[in-house]
Amino acid sequence: MQALVVEFHIKPEFVRDFEAAIENNARASRETEPGCRQFDVCRDPVDPSLFFLYELYDDETAIQAHLKSAHFLQMDGATLGWVQRKVVRKLQRTAP
């Protein structure tokens, strides 16, 4: 399995809107993408502008399908100007 770990720093005035957008994207990913096994949205309790995503996919093909999905493309385009910083890491899941 492949894991994506994504960290977003969101401009303060867009935090609420981003939270709604990313939660909708996560839900759509889990419900409509056969290769998406997990999509967690987390927030830093001290810094509300810091979001952390943990996503699990069957393989690279599933990740590419996610990145081409209508819900991802819509969310990504709508939130682009809200993001101060974004860091994406792709990892190989080794356990369990």
PDB file of N, CA and C in Angstrom:
ATOM      1  N   MET A   1       0.841  -1.187   0.000  1.00  0.00           N
ATOM      2  CA  MET A   1       0.000   0.000   0.000  1.00  0.00           C
ATOM      3  C   MET A   1       0.879   1.242   0.000  1.00  0.00           C
ATOM      4  N   GLN A   2       0.315   2.293  -0.562  1.00  0.00           N
ATOM      5  CA  GLN A   2       0.994   3.576  -0.618  1.00  0.00           C
ATOM      6  C   GLN A   2       0.287   4.553   0.330  1.00  0.00           C
ATOM      7  N   ALA A   3       1.073   5.302   1.070  1.00  0.00           N
ATOM      8  CA  ALA A   3       0.522   6.324   1.962  1.00  0.00           C
ATOM      9  C   ALA A   3       0.903   7.704   1.447  1.00  0.00           C
ATOM     10  N   LEU A   4      -0.067   8.602   1.502  1.00  0.00           N
ATOM     11  CA  LEU A   4       0.208  10.014   1.261  1.00  0.00           C
ATOM     12  C   LEU A   4       0.041  10.729   2.583  1.00  0.00           C
ATOM     13  N   VAL A   5       1.017  11.537   2.932  1.00  0.00           N
ATOM     14  CA  VAL A   5       0.971  12.372   4.114  1.00  0.00           C
ATOM     15  C   VAL A   5       1.083  13.805   3.612  1.00  0.00           C
ATOM     16  N   VAL A   6       0.053  14.596   3.877  1.00  0.00           N
ATOM     17  CA  VAL A   6       0.001  15.953   3.348  1.00  0.00           C
ATOM     18  C   VAL A   6      -0.211  16.925   4.500  1.00  0.00           C
ATOM     19  N   GLU A   7       0.605  17.957   4.524  1.00  0.00           N
ATOM     20  CA  GLU A   7       0.483  18.995   5.537  1.00  0.00           C
ATOM     21  C   GLU A   7       0.135  20.301   4.843  1.00  0.00           C
ATOM     22  N   PHE A   8      -0.947  20.927   5.294  1.00  0.00           N
ATOM     23  CA  PHE A   8      -1.392  22.209   4.761  1.00  0.00           C
ATOM     24  C   PHE A   8      -1.314  23.274   5.844  1.00  0.00           C
ATOM     25  N   HIS A   9      -0.768  24.420   5.504  1.00  0.00           N
ATOM     26  CA  HIS A   9      -0.889  25.618   6.325  1.00  0.00           C
ATOM     27  C   HIS A   9      -1.821  26.542   5.549  1.00  0.00           C
ATOM     28  N   ILE A  10      -2.962  26.858   6.153  1.00  0.00           N
ATOM     29  CA  ILE A  10      -4.017  27.608   5.487  1.00  0.00           C
ATOM     30  C   ILE A  10      -4.038  29.042   6.002  1.00  0.00           C
ATOM     31  N   LYS A  11      -4.273  29.981   5.089  1.00  0.00           N
ATOM     32  CA  LYS A  11      -4.423  31.386   5.483  1.00  0.00           C
ATOM     33  C   LYS A  11      -5.584  31.475   6.474  1.00  0.00           C
ATOM     34  N   PRO A  12      -5.391  32.207   7.575  1.00  0.00           N
ATOM     35  CA  PRO A  12      -6.391  32.211   8.664  1.00  0.00           C
ATOM     36  C   PRO A  12      -7.816  32.517   8.220  1.00  0.00           C
ATOM     37  N   GLU A  13      -7.983  33.393   7.274  1.00  0.00           N
ATOM     38  CA  GLU A  13      -9.340  33.775   6.864  1.00  0.00           C
ATOM     39  C   GLU A  13     -10.058  32.675   6.068  1.00  0.00           C
ATOM     40  N   PHE A  14      -9.345  31.623   5.689  1.00  0.00           N
ATOM     41  CA  PHE A  14      -9.939  30.543   4.894  1.00  0.00           C
ATOM     42  C   PHE A  14     -10.018  29.209   5.634  1.00  0.00           C
ATOM     43  N   VAL A  15      -9.665  29.183   6.906  1.00  0.00           N
ATOM     44  CA  VAL A  15      -9.599  27.925   7.660  1.00  0.00           C
ATOM     45  C   VAL A  15     -10.938  27.193   7.654  1.00  0.00           C
ATOM     46  N   ARG A  16     -12.019  27.894   7.946  1.00  0.00           N
ATOM     47  CA  ARG A  16     -13.337  27.231   7.993  1.00  0.00           C
ATOM     48  C   ARG A  16     -13.733  26.666   6.638  1.00  0.00           C
ATOM     49  N   ASP A  17     -13.540  27.461   5.594  1.00  0.00           N
ATOM     50  CA  ASP A  17     -13.899  27.010   4.251  1.00  0.00           C
ATOM     51  C   ASP A  17     -13.033  25.832   3.823  1.00  0.00           C
ATOM     52  N   PHE A  18     -11.735  25.888   4.166  1.00  0.00           N
ATOM     53  CA  PHE A  18     -10.850  24.782   3.806  1.00  0.00           C
ATOM     54  C   PHE A  18     -11.263  23.515   4.542  1.00  0.00           C
ATOM     55  N   GLU A  19     -11.594  23.638   5.802  1.00  0.00           N
ATOM     56  CA  GLU A  19     -12.001  22.463   6.573  1.00  0.00           C
ATOM     57  C   GLU A  19     -13.196  21.772   5.909  1.00  0.00           C
ATOM     58  N   ALA A  20     -14.184  22.526   5.501  1.00  0.00           N
ATOM     59  CA  ALA A  20     -15.351  21.945   4.838  1.00  0.00           C
ATOM     60  C   ALA A  20     -14.953  21.299   3.503  1.00  0.00           C
ATOM     61  N   ALA A  21     -14.131  21.983   2.731  1.00  0.00           N
ATOM     62  CA  ALA A  21     -13.728  21.476   1.417  1.00  0.00           C
ATOM     63  C   ALA A  21     -12.913  20.193   1.536  1.00  0.00           C
ATOM     64  N   ILE A  22     -11.971  20.154   2.469  1.00  0.00           N
ATOM     65  CA  ILE A  22     -11.112  18.978   2.577  1.00  0.00           C
ATOM     66  C   ILE A  22     -11.888  17.795   3.165  1.00  0.00           C
ATOM     67  N   GLU A  23     -12.824  18.061   4.066  1.00  0.00           N
ATOM     68  CA  GLU A  23     -13.642  16.969   4.604  1.00  0.00           C
ATOM     69  C   GLU A  23     -14.549  16.388   3.526  1.00  0.00           C
ATOM     70  N   ASN A  24     -15.105  17.225   2.657  1.00  0.00           N
ATOM     71  CA  ASN A  24     -15.923  16.731   1.543  1.00  0.00           C
ATOM     72  C   ASN A  24     -15.076  15.903   0.583  1.00  0.00           C
ATOM     73  N   ASN A  25     -13.865  16.370   0.309  1.00  0.00           N
ATOM     74  CA  ASN A  25     -12.965  15.628  -0.575  1.00  0.00           C
ATOM     75  C   ASN A  25     -12.601  14.267   0.033  1.00  0.00           C
ATOM     76  N   ALA A  26     -12.312  14.245   1.301  1.00  0.00           N
ATOM     77  CA  ALA A  26     -11.968  12.986   1.975  1.00  0.00           C
ATOM     78  C   ALA A  26     -13.132  12.010   1.918  1.00  0.00           C
ATOM     79  N   ARG A  27     -14.331  12.499   2.213  1.00  0.00           N
ATOM     80  CA  ARG A  27     -15.520  11.640   2.190  1.00  0.00           C
ATOM     81  C   ARG A  27     -15.753  11.080   0.779  1.00  0.00           C
ATOM     82  N   ALA A  28     -15.683  11.938  -0.231  1.00  0.00           N
ATOM     83  CA  ALA A  28     -15.874  11.480  -1.609  1.00  0.00           C
ATOM     84  C   ALA A  28     -14.804  10.469  -2.003  1.00  0.00           C
ATOM     85  N   SER A  29     -13.586  10.684  -1.560  1.00  0.00           N
ATOM     86  CA  SER A  29     -12.497   9.751  -1.877  1.00  0.00           C
ATOM     87  C   SER A  29     -12.771   8.381  -1.279  1.00  0.00           C
ATOM     88  N   ARG A  30     -13.155   8.355   0.000  1.00  0.00           N
ATOM     89  CA  ARG A  30     -13.435   7.075   0.670  1.00  0.00           C
ATOM     90  C   ARG A  30     -14.634   6.363   0.049  1.00  0.00           C
ATOM     91  N   GLU A  31     -15.654   7.125  -0.341  1.00  0.00           N
ATOM     92  CA  GLU A  31     -16.903   6.528  -0.808  1.00  0.00           C
ATOM     93  C   GLU A  31     -16.901   6.148  -2.283  1.00  0.00           C
ATOM     94  N   THR A  32     -16.082   6.819  -3.109  1.00  0.00           N
ATOM     95  CA  THR A  32     -16.194   6.603  -4.555  1.00  0.00           C
ATOM     96  C   THR A  32     -14.934   6.052  -5.218  1.00  0.00           C
ATOM     97  N   GLU A  33     -13.821   6.030  -4.513  1.00  0.00           N
ATOM     98  CA  GLU A  33     -12.578   5.543  -5.109  1.00  0.00           C
ATOM     99  C   GLU A  33     -12.265   4.152  -4.561  1.00  0.00           C
ATOM    100  N   PRO A  34     -12.385   3.121  -5.401  1.00  0.00           N
ATOM    101  CA  PRO A  34     -12.141   1.758  -4.914  1.00  0.00           C
ATOM    102  C   PRO A  34     -10.743   1.551  -4.334  1.00  0.00           C
ATOM    103  N   GLY A  35      -9.742   2.276  -4.807  1.00  0.00           N
ATOM    104  CA  GLY A  35      -8.374   2.092  -4.330  1.00  0.00           C
ATOM    105  C   GLY A  35      -8.012   2.918  -3.111  1.00  0.00           C
ATOM    106  N   CYS A  36      -8.940   3.755  -2.641  1.00  0.00           N
ATOM    107  CA  CYS A  36      -8.689   4.566  -1.441  1.00  0.00           C
ATOM    108  C   CYS A  36      -9.161   3.786  -0.226  1.00  0.00           C
ATOM    109  N   ARG A  37      -8.237   3.432   0.642  1.00  0.00           N
ATOM    110  CA  ARG A  37      -8.554   2.610   1.816  1.00  0.00           C
ATOM    111  C   ARG A  37      -8.759   3.432   3.086  1.00  0.00           C
ATOM    112  N   GLN A  38      -8.143   4.612   3.135  1.00  0.00           N
ATOM    113  CA  GLN A  38      -8.255   5.460   4.321  1.00  0.00           C
ATOM    114  C   GLN A  38      -7.946   6.888   3.924  1.00  0.00           C
ATOM    115  N   PHE A  39      -8.658   7.839   4.527  1.00  0.00           N
ATOM    116  CA  PHE A  39      -8.394   9.251   4.264  1.00  0.00           C
ATOM    117  C   PHE A  39      -8.774  10.004   5.529  1.00  0.00           C
ATOM    118  N   ASP A  40      -7.794  10.280   6.364  1.00  0.00           N
ATOM    119  CA  ASP A  40      -8.012  10.975   7.628  1.00  0.00           C
ATOM    120  C   ASP A  40      -7.644  12.445   7.488  1.00  0.00           C
ATOM    121  N   VAL A  41      -8.492  13.300   8.029  1.00  0.00           N
ATOM    122  CA  VAL A  41      -8.224  14.739   8.088  1.00  0.00           C
ATOM    123  C   VAL A  41      -8.017  15.088   9.553  1.00  0.00           C
ATOM    124  N   CYS A  42      -6.866  15.673   9.868  1.00  0.00           N
ATOM    125  CA  CYS A  42      -6.519  16.032  11.241  1.00  0.00           C
ATOM    126  C   CYS A  42      -6.150  17.517  11.299  1.00  0.00           C
ATOM    127  N   ARG A  43      -6.310  18.102  12.487  1.00  0.00           N
ATOM    128  CA  ARG A  43      -5.911  19.498  12.691  1.00  0.00           C
ATOM    129  C   ARG A  43      -5.086  19.613  13.958  1.00  0.00           C
ATOM    130  N   ASP A  44      -4.174  20.550  13.938  1.00  0.00           N
ATOM    131  CA  ASP A  44      -3.353  20.837  15.106  1.00  0.00           C
ATOM    132  C   ASP A  44      -4.229  21.550  16.138  1.00  0.00           C
ATOM    133  N   PRO A  45      -4.297  21.053  17.370  1.00  0.00           N
ATOM    134  CA  PRO A  45      -5.148  21.685  18.376  1.00  0.00           C
ATOM    135  C   PRO A  45      -4.641  23.065  18.828  1.00  0.00           C
ATOM    136  N   VAL A  46      -3.379  23.350  18.599  1.00  0.00           N
ATOM    137  CA  VAL A  46      -2.812  24.640  18.987  1.00  0.00           C
ATOM    138  C   VAL A  46      -2.854  25.636  17.835  1.00  0.00           C
ATOM    139  N   ASP A  47      -2.632  25.142  16.627  1.00  0.00           N
ATOM    140  CA  ASP A  47      -2.606  25.994  15.432  1.00  0.00           C
ATOM    141  C   ASP A  47      -3.724  25.553  14.492  1.00  0.00           C
ATOM    142  N   PRO A  48      -4.890  26.217  14.542  1.00  0.00           N
ATOM    143  CA  PRO A  48      -6.024  25.785  13.736  1.00  0.00           C
ATOM    144  C   PRO A  48      -5.822  25.913  12.226  1.00  0.00           C
ATOM    145  N   SER A  49      -4.768  26.593  11.809  1.00  0.00           N
ATOM    146  CA  SER A  49      -4.508  26.733  10.369  1.00  0.00           C
ATOM    147  C   SER A  49      -3.679  25.575   9.810  1.00  0.00           C
ATOM    148  N   LEU A  50      -3.260  24.641  10.677  1.00  0.00           N
ATOM    149  CA  LEU A  50      -2.434  23.512  10.267  1.00  0.00           C
ATOM    150  C   LEU A  50      -3.282  22.245  10.157  1.00  0.00           C
ATOM    151  N   PHE A  51      -3.368  21.712   8.936  1.00  0.00           N
ATOM    152  CA  PHE A  51      -4.101  20.484   8.654  1.00  0.00           C
ATOM    153  C   PHE A  51      -3.106  19.397   8.265  1.00  0.00           C
ATOM    154  N   PHE A  52      -3.451  18.174   8.623  1.00  0.00           N
ATOM    155  CA  PHE A  52      -2.614  17.024   8.338  1.00  0.00           C
ATOM    156  C   PHE A  52      -3.511  15.931   7.763  1.00  0.00           C
ATOM    157  N   LEU A  53      -3.156  15.418   6.593  1.00  0.00           N
ATOM    158  CA  LEU A  53      -3.922  14.348   5.960  1.00  0.00           C
ATOM    159  C   LEU A  53      -3.098  13.067   5.960  1.00  0.00           C
ATOM    160  N   TYR A  54      -3.773  11.961   6.224  1.00  0.00           N
ATOM    161  CA  TYR A  54      -3.155  10.652   6.111  1.00  0.00           C
ATOM    162  C   TYR A  54      -4.055   9.819   5.217  1.00  0.00           C
ATOM    163  N   GLU A  55      -3.520   9.408   4.057  1.00  0.00           N
ATOM    164  CA  GLU A  55      -4.300   8.700   3.056  1.00  0.00           C
ATOM    165  C   GLU A  55      -3.605   7.386   2.701  1.00  0.00           C
ATOM    166  N   LEU A  56      -4.386   6.331   2.567  1.00  0.00           N
ATOM    167  CA  LEU A  56      -3.855   5.036   2.151  1.00  0.00           C
ATOM    168  C   LEU A  56      -4.521   4.600   0.856  1.00  0.00           C
ATOM    169  N   TYR A  57      -3.693   4.175  -0.101  1.00  0.00           N
ATOM    170  CA  TYR A  57      -4.168   3.729  -1.408  1.00  0.00           C
ATOM    171  C   TYR A  57      -3.564   2.367  -1.716  1.00  0.00           C
ATOM    172  N   ASP A  58      -4.280   1.599  -2.520  1.00  0.00           N
ATOM    173  CA  ASP A  58      -3.803   0.269  -2.895  1.00  0.00           C
ATOM    174  C   ASP A  58      -2.435   0.317  -3.573  1.00  0.00           C
ATOM    175  N   ASP A  59      -2.258   1.304  -4.467  1.00  0.00           N
ATOM    176  CA  ASP A  59      -1.032   1.377  -5.254  1.00  0.00           C
ATOM    177  C   ASP A  59      -0.948   2.734  -5.948  1.00  0.00           C
ATOM    178  N   GLU A  60       0.078   2.912  -6.749  1.00  0.00           N
ATOM    179  CA  GLU A  60       0.287   4.175  -7.455  1.00  0.00           C
ATOM    180  C   GLU A  60      -0.863   4.472  -8.426  1.00  0.00           C
ATOM    181  N   THR A  61      -1.421   3.447  -9.039  1.00  0.00           N
ATOM    182  CA  THR A  61      -2.551   3.635  -9.949  1.00  0.00           C
ATOM    183  C   THR A  61      -3.732   4.261  -9.212  1.00  0.00           C
ATOM    184  N   ALA A  62      -3.982   3.827  -7.995  1.00  0.00           N
ATOM    185  CA  ALA A  62      -5.081   4.383  -7.190  1.00  0.00           C
ATOM    186  C   ALA A  62      -4.806   5.836  -6.817  1.00  0.00           C
ATOM    187  N   ILE A  63      -3.555   6.162  -6.531  1.00  0.00           N
ATOM    188  CA  ILE A  63      -3.202   7.554  -6.234  1.00  0.00           C
ATOM    189  C   ILE A  63      -3.448   8.423  -7.459  1.00  0.00           C
ATOM    190  N   GLN A  64      -3.019   7.957  -8.626  1.00  0.00           N
ATOM    191  CA  GLN A  64      -3.216   8.733  -9.851  1.00  0.00           C
ATOM    192  C   GLN A  64      -4.706   8.902 -10.163  1.00  0.00           C
ATOM    193  N   ALA A  65      -5.512   7.871  -9.905  1.00  0.00           N
ATOM    194  CA  ALA A  65      -6.962   7.989 -10.096  1.00  0.00           C
ATOM    195  C   ALA A  65      -7.535   9.048  -9.161  1.00  0.00           C
ATOM    196  N   HIS A  66      -7.045   9.085  -7.928  1.00  0.00           N
ATOM    197  CA  HIS A  66      -7.496  10.099  -6.974  1.00  0.00           C
ATOM    198  C   HIS A  66      -7.165  11.500  -7.484  1.00  0.00           C
ATOM    199  N   LEU A  67      -5.939  11.675  -7.956  1.00  0.00           N
ATOM    200  CA  LEU A  67      -5.504  13.001  -8.414  1.00  0.00           C
ATOM    201  C   LEU A  67      -6.233  13.460  -9.674  1.00  0.00           C
ATOM    202  N   LYS A  68      -6.879  12.550 -10.376  1.00  0.00           N
ATOM    203  CA  LYS A  68      -7.645  12.891 -11.585  1.00  0.00           C
ATOM    204  C   LYS A  68      -9.149  12.924 -11.331  1.00  0.00           C
ATOM    205  N   SER A  69      -9.569  12.603 -10.109  1.00  0.00           N
ATOM    206  CA  SER A  69     -11.003  12.544  -9.808  1.00  0.00           C
ATOM    207  C   SER A  69     -11.617  13.945  -9.816  1.00  0.00           C
ATOM    208  N   ALA A  70     -12.892  14.007 -10.174  1.00  0.00           N
ATOM    209  CA  ALA A  70     -13.587  15.292 -10.246  1.00  0.00           C
ATOM    210  C   ALA A  70     -13.620  15.985  -8.889  1.00  0.00           C
ATOM    211  N   HIS A  71     -13.852  15.236  -7.815  1.00  0.00           N
ATOM    212  CA  HIS A  71     -13.941  15.879  -6.493  1.00  0.00           C
ATOM    213  C   HIS A  71     -12.587  16.437  -6.052  1.00  0.00           C
ATOM    214  N   PHE A  72     -11.493  15.718  -6.363  1.00  0.00           N
ATOM    215  CA  PHE A  72     -10.180  16.252  -6.012  1.00  0.00           C
ATOM    216  C   PHE A  72      -9.867  17.497  -6.824  1.00  0.00           C
ATOM    217  N   LEU A  73     -10.083  17.440  -8.127  1.00  0.00           N
ATOM    218  CA  LEU A  73      -9.761  18.585  -8.986  1.00  0.00           C
ATOM    219  C   LEU A  73     -10.577  19.815  -8.605  1.00  0.00           C
ATOM    220  N   GLN A  74     -11.835  19.616  -8.248  1.00  0.00           N
ATOM    221  CA  GLN A  74     -12.677  20.745  -7.826  1.00  0.00           C
ATOM    222  C   GLN A  74     -12.145  21.350  -6.538  1.00  0.00           C
ATOM    223  N   MET A  75     -11.863  20.508  -5.538  1.00  0.00           N
ATOM    224  CA  MET A  75     -11.364  20.993  -4.253  1.00  0.00           C
ATOM    225  C   MET A  75     -10.007  21.671  -4.418  1.00  0.00           C
ATOM    226  N   ASP A  76      -9.118  21.055  -5.175  1.00  0.00           N
ATOM    227  CA  ASP A  76      -7.776  21.600  -5.363  1.00  0.00           C
ATOM    228  C   ASP A  76      -7.836  22.978  -6.019  1.00  0.00           C
ATOM    229  N   GLY A  77      -8.668  23.123  -7.031  1.00  0.00           N
ATOM    230  CA  GLY A  77      -8.794  24.410  -7.711  1.00  0.00           C
ATOM    231  C   GLY A  77      -9.427  25.469  -6.828  1.00  0.00           C
ATOM    232  N   ALA A  78     -10.454  25.082  -6.076  1.00  0.00           N
ATOM    233  CA  ALA A  78     -11.162  26.039  -5.220  1.00  0.00           C
ATOM    234  C   ALA A  78     -10.307  26.533  -4.060  1.00  0.00           C
ATOM    235  N   THR A  79      -9.402  25.693  -3.558  1.00  0.00           N
ATOM    236  CA  THR A  79      -8.642  26.047  -2.356  1.00  0.00           C
ATOM    237  C   THR A  79      -7.231  26.554  -2.636  1.00  0.00           C
ATOM    238  N   LEU A  80      -6.826  26.572  -3.872  1.00  0.00           N
ATOM    239  CA  LEU A  80      -5.449  26.922  -4.230  1.00  0.00           C
ATOM    240  C   LEU A  80      -4.985  28.238  -3.597  1.00  0.00           C
ATOM    241  N   GLY A  81      -5.812  29.250  -3.646  1.00  0.00           N
ATOM    242  CA  GLY A  81      -5.448  30.553  -3.091  1.00  0.00           C
ATOM    243  C   GLY A  81      -5.519  30.640  -1.583  1.00  0.00           C
ATOM    244  N   TRP A  82      -6.021  29.611  -0.937  1.00  0.00           N
ATOM    245  CA  TRP A  82      -6.156  29.592   0.517  1.00  0.00           C
ATOM    246  C   TRP A  82      -4.926  29.029   1.204  1.00  0.00           C
ATOM    247  N   VAL A  83      -4.072  28.370   0.442  1.00  0.00           N
ATOM    248  CA  VAL A  83      -2.951  27.614   0.994  1.00  0.00           C
ATOM    249  C   VAL A  83      -1.704  28.485   1.089  1.00  0.00           C
ATOM    250  N   GLN A  84      -1.146  28.589   2.305  1.00  0.00           N
ATOM    251  CA  GLN A  84       0.134  29.283   2.489  1.00  0.00           C
ATOM    252  C   GLN A  84       1.290  28.356   2.147  1.00  0.00           C
ATOM    253  N   ARG A  85       1.145  27.097   2.558  1.00  0.00           N
ATOM    254  CA  ARG A  85       2.217  26.117   2.341  1.00  0.00           C
ATOM    255  C   ARG A  85       1.623  24.726   2.302  1.00  0.00           C
ATOM    256  N   LYS A  86       2.174  23.883   1.435  1.00  0.00           N
ATOM    257  CA  LYS A  86       1.706  22.505   1.311  1.00  0.00           C
ATOM    258  C   LYS A  86       2.925  21.609   1.142  1.00  0.00           C
ATOM    259  N   VAL A  87       2.976  20.546   1.934  1.00  0.00           N
ATOM    260  CA  VAL A  87       4.054  19.566   1.843  1.00  0.00           C
ATOM    261  C   VAL A  87       3.407  18.199   1.644  1.00  0.00           C
ATOM    262  N   VAL A  88       3.831  17.493   0.605  1.00  0.00           N
ATOM    263  CA  VAL A  88       3.294  16.171   0.288  1.00  0.00           C
ATOM    264  C   VAL A  88       4.425  15.158   0.380  1.00  0.00           C
ATOM    265  N   ARG A  89       4.163  14.078   1.106  1.00  0.00           N
ATOM    266  CA  ARG A  89       5.118  12.977   1.187  1.00  0.00           C
ATOM    267  C   ARG A  89       4.418  11.704   0.737  1.00  0.00           C
ATOM    268  N   LYS A  90       5.092  10.934  -0.085  1.00  0.00           N
ATOM    269  CA  LYS A  90       4.569   9.633  -0.515  1.00  0.00           C
ATOM    270  C   LYS A  90       5.448   8.567   0.127  1.00  0.00           C
ATOM    271  N   LEU A  91       4.782   7.649   0.833  1.00  0.00           N
ATOM    272  CA  LEU A  91       5.496   6.622   1.595  1.00  0.00           C
ATOM    273  C   LEU A  91       4.959   5.242   1.254  1.00  0.00           C
ATOM    274  N   GLN A  92       5.797   4.251   1.420  1.00  0.00           N
ATOM    275  CA  GLN A  92       5.395   2.865   1.282  1.00  0.00           C
ATOM    276  C   GLN A  92       4.973   2.365   2.656  1.00  0.00           C
ATOM    277  N   ARG A  93       3.766   1.869   2.777  1.00  0.00           N
ATOM    278  CA  ARG A  93       3.322   1.334   4.062  1.00  0.00           C
ATOM    279  C   ARG A  93       3.957  -0.036   4.269  1.00  0.00           C
ATOM    280  N   THR A  94       4.539  -0.235   5.426  1.00  0.00           N
ATOM    281  CA  THR A  94       5.235  -1.499   5.703  1.00  0.00           C
ATOM    282  C   THR A  94       4.531  -2.359   6.757  1.00  0.00           C
ATOM    283  N   ALA A  95       3.703  -1.772   7.598  1.00  0.00           N
ATOM    284  CA  ALA A  95       2.981  -2.539   8.621  1.00  0.00           C
ATOM    285  C   ALA A  95       1.740  -1.767   9.024  1.00  0.00           C
ATOM    286  N   PRO A  96       0.672  -2.357   9.444  1.00  0.00           N
ATOM    287  CA  PRO A  96       0.486  -3.789   9.584  1.00  0.00           C
ATOM    288  C   PRO A  96       0.263  -4.444   8.254  1.00  0.00           C
TER     289      PRO A  96
END
